[in-house]
N, C-alpha and C. Protein backbone atom coordinates (compact mmCIF):
# COMPACT_ATOMS: atom_id res chain seq x y z
N MET A 1 -0.44 5.55 15.20
CA MET A 1 -1.25 5.64 14.77
C MET A 1 -0.45 5.19 13.17
N THR A 2 -1.63 4.76 12.41
CA THR A 2 -1.86 4.54 10.96
C THR A 2 -2.23 4.99 9.98
N MET A 3 -1.37 5.43 9.30
CA MET A 3 -1.98 6.29 7.75
C MET A 3 -2.17 5.39 6.95
N THR A 4 -3.21 5.89 6.10
CA THR A 4 -4.02 6.05 5.15
C THR A 4 -3.82 6.22 4.00
N ILE A 5 -2.86 5.89 2.65
CA ILE A 5 -3.53 5.25 1.78
C ILE A 5 -4.18 6.09 0.88
N ASP A 6 -4.60 6.61 -0.06
CA ASP A 6 -6.26 6.64 -0.48
C ASP A 6 -5.72 6.46 -2.29
N ALA A 7 -5.28 5.07 -2.18
CA ALA A 7 -5.01 5.08 -4.79
C ALA A 7 -6.05 3.98 -4.81
N ARG A 8 -7.16 5.06 -4.68
CA ARG A 8 -8.28 3.89 -5.32
C ARG A 8 -8.73 4.76 -6.46
N GLY A 9 -8.40 3.84 -7.54
CA GLY A 9 -9.04 4.90 -8.87
C GLY A 9 -7.67 4.82 -9.83
N ARG A 10 -6.88 5.18 -9.56
CA ARG A 10 -5.43 6.00 -9.74
C ARG A 10 -4.54 4.00 -10.50
N SER A 11 -4.28 4.70 -11.07
CA SER A 11 -3.43 3.43 -12.62
C SER A 11 -2.14 3.43 -11.83
N CYS A 12 -0.56 2.62 -11.81
CA CYS A 12 0.39 1.99 -11.55
C CYS A 12 0.74 2.84 -12.55
N PRO A 13 2.34 3.88 -12.16
CA PRO A 13 2.57 3.48 -11.12
C PRO A 13 2.54 4.48 -9.82
N GLU A 14 1.02 4.90 -10.11
CA GLU A 14 0.18 6.14 -8.87
C GLU A 14 0.61 5.27 -8.19
N PRO A 15 0.39 4.04 -7.18
CA PRO A 15 -0.37 3.73 -5.83
C PRO A 15 1.23 3.22 -5.36
N VAL A 16 2.45 3.09 -6.22
CA VAL A 16 3.40 2.35 -5.44
C VAL A 16 4.67 4.04 -5.18
N LEU A 17 4.28 5.75 -6.23
CA LEU A 17 4.38 6.47 -5.86
C LEU A 17 4.10 7.08 -4.46
N MET A 18 2.54 7.38 -4.83
CA MET A 18 2.09 7.73 -3.48
C MET A 18 2.93 6.61 -2.32
N THR A 19 2.95 5.48 -2.12
CA THR A 19 2.86 4.56 -1.26
C THR A 19 4.43 5.11 -0.97
N ARG A 20 5.67 5.25 -1.71
CA ARG A 20 6.80 5.84 -1.59
C ARG A 20 7.52 6.55 -0.92
N ASN A 21 6.30 8.07 -0.99
CA ASN A 21 5.59 9.07 -0.33
C ASN A 21 6.05 9.03 0.92
N ALA A 22 4.52 8.20 1.19
CA ALA A 22 3.84 8.20 2.56
C ALA A 22 5.22 7.88 3.32
N LEU A 23 5.94 6.73 3.22
CA LEU A 23 6.65 5.78 3.81
C LEU A 23 7.58 6.53 4.30
N ALA A 24 8.02 8.11 3.22
CA ALA A 24 9.51 8.50 3.65
C ALA A 24 8.88 10.01 5.29
N SER A 25 7.78 9.36 5.89
CA SER A 25 7.81 9.84 7.42
C SER A 25 8.02 8.71 7.93
N LYS A 26 7.86 7.77 7.90
CA LYS A 26 8.53 7.13 8.09
C LYS A 26 8.12 6.08 9.72
N ASP A 27 6.56 6.25 9.98
CA ASP A 27 5.60 5.41 10.56
C ASP A 27 5.60 4.48 10.86
N LYS A 28 5.58 3.54 10.83
CA LYS A 28 5.48 2.26 12.39
C LYS A 28 4.74 1.27 10.94
N SER A 29 3.38 2.05 10.59
CA SER A 29 2.46 1.08 9.99
C SER A 29 1.73 1.92 8.82
N TYR A 30 1.16 1.44 8.15
CA TYR A 30 0.26 2.30 7.15
C TYR A 30 -0.66 1.51 6.63
N GLU A 31 -1.44 1.94 5.92
CA GLU A 31 -2.92 1.29 5.23
C GLU A 31 -3.11 1.78 3.50
N VAL A 32 -2.72 1.20 2.34
CA VAL A 32 -2.52 1.01 1.24
C VAL A 32 -4.25 1.02 0.70
N LEU A 33 -4.91 2.13 0.05
CA LEU A 33 -6.48 0.90 -0.35
C LEU A 33 -5.72 1.58 -2.16
N VAL A 34 -6.29 0.61 -3.06
CA VAL A 34 -6.09 -0.09 -4.36
C VAL A 34 -7.17 -0.59 -4.60
N ASP A 35 -8.03 -0.35 -6.24
CA ASP A 35 -8.84 -1.21 -6.85
C ASP A 35 -8.78 -1.85 -7.77
N ASN A 36 -7.40 -2.32 -7.64
CA ASN A 36 -7.38 -3.74 -8.95
C ASN A 36 -5.30 -4.71 -8.25
N PRO A 37 -5.84 -5.82 -9.53
CA PRO A 37 -4.84 -6.02 -8.76
C PRO A 37 -3.58 -6.24 -9.23
N THR A 38 -3.12 -5.54 -10.12
CA THR A 38 -1.67 -4.91 -10.95
C THR A 38 -1.21 -4.37 -9.71
N ALA A 39 -1.90 -3.25 -8.93
CA ALA A 39 -2.09 -2.67 -7.86
C ALA A 39 -1.39 -2.84 -6.33
N VAL A 40 -2.22 -4.19 -6.34
CA VAL A 40 -1.90 -5.29 -4.72
C VAL A 40 -0.27 -5.42 -5.79
N GLN A 41 -0.32 -6.08 -6.83
CA GLN A 41 1.71 -6.77 -6.64
C GLN A 41 2.47 -6.00 -6.68
N ASN A 42 2.06 -4.55 -7.57
CA ASN A 42 3.02 -3.91 -7.54
C ASN A 42 3.43 -2.45 -5.69
N VAL A 43 2.24 -1.90 -5.45
CA VAL A 43 2.92 -2.03 -3.95
C VAL A 43 3.30 -3.21 -2.46
N THR A 44 2.99 -4.49 -3.03
CA THR A 44 2.55 -5.31 -2.20
C THR A 44 4.77 -5.46 -2.22
N ARG A 45 5.48 -5.71 -3.95
CA ARG A 45 6.42 -5.73 -3.99
C ARG A 45 7.38 -4.60 -3.19
N PHE A 46 6.75 -3.30 -3.89
CA PHE A 46 7.77 -1.91 -3.04
C PHE A 46 7.84 -1.91 -1.73
N ALA A 47 6.40 -2.51 -1.06
CA ALA A 47 6.61 -2.43 0.34
C ALA A 47 7.29 -3.46 1.00
N ARG A 48 7.80 -4.26 0.22
CA ARG A 48 8.74 -6.05 1.12
C ARG A 48 10.38 -5.62 0.81
N LYS A 49 10.57 -4.51 -0.29
CA LYS A 49 12.10 -4.25 -0.72
C LYS A 49 12.31 -3.36 0.03
N SER A 50 11.09 -2.00 0.98
CA SER A 50 11.05 -1.89 1.62
C SER A 50 11.26 -2.09 2.52
N GLY A 51 11.26 -3.16 3.49
CA GLY A 51 11.52 -3.93 4.82
C GLY A 51 10.52 -3.66 5.65
N TYR A 52 8.88 -3.63 5.11
CA TYR A 52 8.01 -3.89 5.61
C TYR A 52 7.43 -5.50 5.05
N ASP A 53 6.83 -5.86 6.39
CA ASP A 53 5.66 -6.75 6.19
C ASP A 53 4.28 -6.46 5.35
N ILE A 54 3.29 -7.72 4.71
CA ILE A 54 2.20 -6.59 4.41
C ILE A 54 1.27 -7.87 4.18
N SER A 55 0.09 -8.07 4.66
CA SER A 55 -1.03 -7.99 4.60
C SER A 55 -1.85 -8.01 4.01
N VAL A 56 -2.63 -8.90 3.06
CA VAL A 56 -4.06 -8.47 1.59
C VAL A 56 -5.09 -8.89 2.14
N ALA A 57 -6.54 -7.53 2.26
CA ALA A 57 -7.43 -7.79 2.51
C ALA A 57 -8.08 -7.28 1.22
N GLU A 58 -9.15 -8.02 0.97
CA GLU A 58 -10.33 -7.39 -0.08
C GLU A 58 -11.46 -7.57 0.67
N GLN A 59 -12.26 -6.68 -0.43
CA GLN A 59 -14.22 -6.11 0.06
C GLN A 59 -13.98 -5.20 -1.07
N ALA A 60 -15.50 -6.42 -1.24
CA ALA A 60 -16.39 -5.46 -2.39
C ALA A 60 -15.42 -4.69 -3.25
N GLY A 61 -14.33 -5.25 -3.97
CA GLY A 61 -13.14 -4.25 -5.00
C GLY A 61 -12.60 -3.52 -4.96
N THR A 62 -12.58 -3.56 -2.89
CA THR A 62 -11.07 -2.55 -2.58
C THR A 62 -9.92 -3.29 -1.67
N TYR A 63 -8.83 -3.69 -2.20
CA TYR A 63 -7.75 -4.53 -1.33
C TYR A 63 -7.61 -3.03 0.00
N ARG A 64 -7.14 -3.83 0.42
CA ARG A 64 -6.73 -3.20 1.87
C ARG A 64 -5.20 -3.53 2.22
N LEU A 65 -4.30 -3.16 1.89
CA LEU A 65 -3.09 -3.99 2.06
C LEU A 65 -2.61 -2.62 3.60
N THR A 66 -1.76 -3.81 4.27
CA THR A 66 -1.36 -2.87 5.55
C THR A 66 -0.36 -3.16 5.76
N LEU A 67 0.43 -2.34 6.14
CA LEU A 67 2.06 -2.55 5.92
C LEU A 67 2.26 -1.82 7.02
N THR A 68 3.39 -3.36 8.09
CA THR A 68 3.91 -2.73 8.27
C THR A 68 5.42 -3.52 8.94
N ARG A 69 6.56 -2.05 9.85
CA ARG A 69 7.74 -1.98 9.83
C ARG A 69 7.76 -3.30 10.19
N ARG A 70 9.31 -4.29 9.34
CA ARG A 70 9.37 -5.56 10.52
C ARG A 70 10.62 -4.61 11.49
């Protein structure tokens, strides 16, 4: 099962902190929703350092980051 973190409308560092807290559950995959490019960059950087592969898709101003444990 994939955990979803909805960080839309949040400014950094809050999306990264929300992601960090969710990663503590040790699920295999996560979906992070953000609505600004800075959050995409920061969450991507954090996820990669934490051992996750990441893919990003954008639709109508919402970025969907899919994190999968390596």
